[in-house]
Amino acid sequence: MCSRRHGGGRVKSTTPAEDRYIVLSAKRNRRTTAQQVANQFLAASGKQISRKTVARRLRGGGLYARTPVVCVPLTRQHRTARLQWCREHHIWTEQDWACVLFSDESRFSLSSDCRRQLIWRESGTAYRPENIQEKDRYPTCSIMVWAGIMINGRTRLLVVANGTMTGQRYNDKVLLPHVRLFRGAVGDKFVFMDDNAACHRTLAVQDCLDSEGIQHLV
């Protein structure tokens, strides 16, 4: 008869209290690296640990290295306007929304943007304020692409040659060749949605929408 003897194994280099300190250090500054946390731990306790040990302790505390969510900063006025808009449209049915053409243009950078900066966060907490990086400027060397979608259809992708969208170009390349066709196919219930970009709010654009009978969604 034999039985396995309980072995001592490798002794942990940190105590439970020190593990909690490591997790707390990462939560205080979520953009710090594992090596920086190890350096802070060395300065505080005089004990040297590796960055792999820090990563294991953070995983044990439910923190994982992830890319932060990037969003545009919203003011109080923005939030109030969005809440009011939702209250006005929450009674719309699927048939109502099926007549709406949602459109937007996005700028894509031609330069490298690897977004190698990571943060420590728990699973399922990507959209918490402390895990979001606000950014409202694009780098240089870019192109702009426009497209529209509906429940039962979509437009073709439109690439703007020099990366700049103006009011006149918005009329000539977007409204007349694309949006007007959807207006004719859907009928009088057709609704067009775009954002409040300066090129979308020129007098030329408004005159074009009125002349073509295109209802605009605020």
Protein backbone atom coordinates (compact mmCIF):
# COMPACT_ATOMS: atom_id res chain seq x y z
CA MET A 1 0.00 0.00 0.00
CA CYS A 2 1.20 3.46 -0.79
CA SER A 3 -0.11 6.98 -0.66
CA ARG A 4 1.08 10.19 -2.19
CA ARG A 5 2.91 12.37 0.24
CA HIS A 6 1.90 15.99 0.21
CA GLY A 7 4.80 17.90 -1.24
CA GLY A 8 5.74 21.41 -0.39
CA GLY A 9 6.00 22.56 -4.00
CA ARG A 10 7.30 25.93 -5.01
CA VAL A 11 6.59 28.60 -2.44
CA LYS A 12 4.64 31.59 -3.76
CA SER A 13 6.73 34.71 -4.03
CA THR A 14 3.89 36.93 -2.76
CA THR A 15 1.46 36.78 0.11
CA PRO A 16 -2.34 37.19 -0.26
CA ALA A 17 -2.02 40.76 1.03
CA GLU A 18 0.65 41.51 -1.55
CA ASP A 19 -1.55 39.96 -4.26
CA ARG A 20 -4.32 42.37 -3.32
CA TYR A 21 -1.83 45.26 -3.48
CA ILE A 22 -0.81 44.24 -7.03
CA VAL A 23 -4.43 44.11 -8.20
CA LEU A 24 -5.19 47.45 -6.53
CA SER A 25 -2.17 49.06 -8.20
CA ALA A 26 -3.41 47.98 -11.63
CA LYS A 27 -6.93 49.22 -10.93
CA ARG A 28 -5.65 52.63 -9.84
CA ASN A 29 -3.84 53.06 -13.17
CA ARG A 30 -5.27 50.65 -15.72
CA ARG A 31 -2.83 51.75 -18.43
CA THR A 32 0.24 50.71 -16.48
CA THR A 33 2.21 47.69 -17.72
CA ALA A 34 3.01 44.54 -15.78
CA GLN A 35 6.66 45.60 -15.55
CA GLN A 36 5.68 48.98 -14.13
CA VAL A 37 3.51 47.26 -11.52
CA ALA A 38 6.47 45.05 -10.63
CA ASN A 39 8.67 48.14 -10.23
CA GLN A 40 6.08 49.78 -7.98
CA PHE A 41 5.88 46.61 -5.91
CA LEU A 42 9.68 46.59 -5.56
CA ALA A 43 9.70 50.20 -4.39
CA ALA A 44 6.90 49.57 -1.87
CA SER A 45 7.95 46.21 -0.41
CA GLY A 46 11.60 45.81 -1.34
CA LYS A 47 10.77 42.44 -2.90
CA GLN A 48 11.52 41.81 -6.56
CA ILE A 49 9.03 39.90 -8.70
CA SER A 50 8.83 39.31 -12.43
CA ARG A 51 6.26 40.76 -14.81
CA LYS A 52 4.94 37.24 -15.43
CA THR A 53 4.23 36.93 -11.72
CA VAL A 54 2.35 40.23 -11.87
CA ALA A 55 0.34 39.03 -14.87
CA ARG A 56 -0.59 35.81 -13.04
CA ARG A 57 -1.67 37.71 -9.94
CA LEU A 58 -3.77 40.10 -12.05
CA ARG A 59 -5.43 37.20 -13.86
CA GLY A 60 -6.13 35.68 -10.47
CA GLY A 61 -7.80 38.96 -9.53
CA GLY A 62 -9.93 38.93 -12.69
CA LEU A 63 -7.90 41.51 -14.65
CA TYR A 64 -6.83 40.88 -18.25
CA ALA A 65 -4.84 42.97 -20.72
CA ARG A 66 -7.24 44.31 -23.33
CA THR A 67 -7.36 47.14 -25.88
CA PRO A 68 -9.39 50.11 -24.54
CA VAL A 69 -12.63 51.10 -26.27
CA VAL A 70 -12.26 54.36 -28.20
CA CYS A 71 -15.21 56.77 -28.17
CA VAL A 72 -15.99 60.41 -28.87
CA PRO A 73 -16.40 62.59 -25.74
CA LEU A 74 -20.07 63.38 -25.00
CA THR A 75 -21.14 66.50 -23.11
CA ARG A 76 -24.21 66.85 -20.93
CA GLN A 77 -26.03 68.53 -23.84
CA HIS A 78 -25.23 65.56 -26.08
CA ARG A 79 -26.65 63.10 -23.56
CA THR A 80 -29.79 65.20 -23.05
CA ALA A 81 -30.42 65.45 -26.79
CA ARG A 82 -29.92 61.72 -27.29
CA LEU A 83 -32.29 60.86 -24.46
CA GLN A 84 -34.95 63.17 -25.90
CA TRP A 85 -34.50 61.63 -29.35
CA CYS A 86 -34.98 58.12 -27.95
CA ARG A 87 -38.14 59.13 -26.13
CA GLU A 88 -39.58 60.58 -29.33
CA HIS A 89 -38.89 57.46 -31.41
CA HIS A 90 -39.37 54.57 -28.99
CA ILE A 91 -42.93 54.00 -30.31
CA TRP A 92 -41.75 53.44 -33.89
CA THR A 93 -42.50 49.97 -35.25
CA GLU A 94 -40.27 47.78 -37.38
CA GLN A 95 -42.22 48.90 -40.44
CA ASP A 96 -41.41 52.52 -39.62
CA TRP A 97 -37.71 51.81 -39.25
CA ALA A 98 -37.71 49.73 -42.46
CA CYS A 99 -38.20 52.99 -44.40
CA VAL A 100 -35.13 54.67 -42.89
CA LEU A 101 -31.81 54.78 -44.72
CA PHE A 102 -29.03 55.14 -42.15
CA SER A 103 -25.85 56.64 -43.56
CA ASP A 104 -22.47 57.76 -42.38
CA GLU A 105 -18.97 58.38 -43.65
CA SER A 106 -15.85 57.19 -41.88
CA ARG A 107 -12.28 58.29 -42.23
CA PHE A 108 -9.67 55.53 -42.46
CA SER A 109 -6.04 56.30 -41.75
CA LEU A 110 -3.46 55.12 -44.24
CA SER A 111 -0.77 55.20 -41.56
CA SER A 112 -0.20 52.38 -39.12
CA ASP A 113 -2.35 52.35 -35.99
CA CYS A 114 -1.57 49.14 -34.15
CA ARG A 115 -3.18 50.38 -30.88
CA ARG A 116 -0.66 48.45 -28.82
CA GLN A 117 -1.56 50.33 -25.64
CA LEU A 118 -3.43 47.91 -23.39
CA ILE A 119 -5.35 48.33 -20.15
CA TRP A 120 -6.15 46.00 -17.27
CA ARG A 121 -9.87 45.32 -16.97
CA GLU A 122 -12.31 42.65 -15.85
CA SER A 123 -14.30 40.58 -18.33
CA GLY A 124 -17.51 42.28 -19.45
CA THR A 125 -16.39 45.79 -18.39
CA ALA A 126 -15.20 47.15 -21.76
CA TYR A 127 -17.63 50.09 -21.74
CA ARG A 128 -17.08 51.33 -18.21
CA PRO A 129 -15.77 54.93 -18.13
CA GLU A 130 -12.41 53.96 -16.65
CA ASN A 131 -11.81 51.52 -19.53
CA ILE A 132 -12.62 53.91 -22.41
CA GLN A 133 -10.15 56.12 -24.25
CA GLU A 134 -11.76 59.29 -25.63
CA LYS A 135 -10.49 60.35 -29.03
CA ASP A 136 -12.04 62.73 -31.54
CA ARG A 137 -9.17 63.45 -33.94
CA TYR A 138 -7.89 61.43 -36.84
CA PRO A 139 -4.28 61.28 -38.01
CA THR A 140 -3.19 62.62 -41.37
CA CYS A 141 -2.97 60.60 -44.62
CA SER A 142 -6.47 59.15 -44.76
CA ILE A 143 -9.39 58.42 -47.07
CA MET A 144 -13.12 58.83 -46.47
CA VAL A 145 -15.72 56.17 -47.27
CA TRP A 146 -19.52 56.70 -47.30
CA ALA A 147 -22.27 54.08 -47.20
CA GLY A 148 -25.93 53.67 -46.21
CA ILE A 149 -27.89 50.70 -44.85
CA MET A 150 -31.56 49.78 -44.45
CA ILE A 151 -33.24 46.73 -42.97
CA ASN A 152 -33.64 45.19 -46.43
CA GLY A 153 -30.88 46.86 -48.42
CA ARG A 154 -27.69 48.85 -48.57
CA THR A 155 -25.90 51.29 -50.85
CA ARG A 156 -22.59 50.82 -52.59
CA LEU A 157 -19.42 51.95 -50.87
CA LEU A 158 -18.37 55.40 -52.01
CA VAL A 159 -14.70 56.32 -51.62
CA VAL A 160 -14.01 60.06 -51.60
CA ALA A 161 -10.89 60.63 -53.67
CA ASN A 162 -9.08 63.32 -51.66
CA GLY A 163 -10.58 62.44 -48.27
CA THR A 164 -12.67 65.60 -47.91
CA MET A 165 -16.47 65.80 -48.01
CA THR A 166 -18.02 69.17 -48.92
CA GLY A 167 -21.64 70.20 -49.31
CA GLN A 168 -21.52 70.25 -53.11
CA ARG A 169 -19.73 66.93 -53.25
CA TYR A 170 -22.28 65.51 -50.82
CA ASN A 171 -25.01 66.48 -53.28
CA ASP A 172 -23.26 65.25 -56.41
CA LYS A 173 -21.80 61.99 -55.13
CA VAL A 174 -24.18 60.92 -52.33
CA LEU A 175 -27.66 62.42 -52.44
CA LEU A 176 -28.38 62.44 -56.16
CA PRO A 177 -26.82 59.13 -57.29
CA HIS A 178 -27.60 57.07 -54.16
CA VAL A 179 -30.18 58.51 -51.77
CA ARG A 180 -32.53 59.65 -54.54
CA LEU A 181 -32.73 56.08 -55.89
CA PHE A 182 -33.79 54.71 -52.51
CA ARG A 183 -36.34 57.51 -52.21
CA GLY A 184 -37.90 56.45 -55.49
CA ALA A 185 -37.92 52.77 -54.53
CA VAL A 186 -39.41 53.18 -51.03
CA GLY A 187 -41.87 55.99 -51.74
CA ASP A 188 -43.26 58.82 -49.64
CA LYS A 189 -42.49 57.02 -46.35
CA PHE A 190 -38.77 57.10 -47.07
CA VAL A 191 -36.67 58.78 -44.34
CA PHE A 192 -33.00 59.67 -44.67
CA MET A 193 -30.64 59.82 -41.69
CA ASP A 194 -27.19 61.40 -41.51
CA ASP A 195 -25.27 63.15 -38.74
CA ASN A 196 -24.67 66.82 -38.01
CA ALA A 197 -21.44 67.17 -39.98
CA ALA A 198 -20.93 70.64 -41.40
CA CYS A 199 -21.11 69.39 -45.00
CA HIS A 200 -24.54 67.87 -44.28
CA ARG A 201 -26.08 71.12 -43.06
CA THR A 202 -25.28 73.50 -45.90
CA LEU A 203 -28.01 75.39 -47.76
CA ALA A 204 -27.21 73.49 -50.95
CA VAL A 205 -27.80 70.16 -49.22
CA GLN A 206 -31.06 71.35 -47.68
CA ASP A 207 -32.28 72.65 -51.04
CA CYS A 208 -31.45 69.31 -52.64
CA LEU A 209 -33.37 67.36 -49.98
CA ASP A 210 -36.40 69.64 -50.34
CA SER A 211 -36.40 69.51 -54.15
CA GLU A 212 -36.26 65.71 -54.17
CA GLY A 213 -38.92 65.33 -51.47
CA ILE A 214 -36.54 63.50 -49.14
CA GLN A 215 -37.73 63.47 -45.52
CA HIS A 216 -34.84 64.01 -43.13
CA LEU A 217 -34.49 62.33 -39.74
CA VAL A 218 -33.15 64.75 -37.15
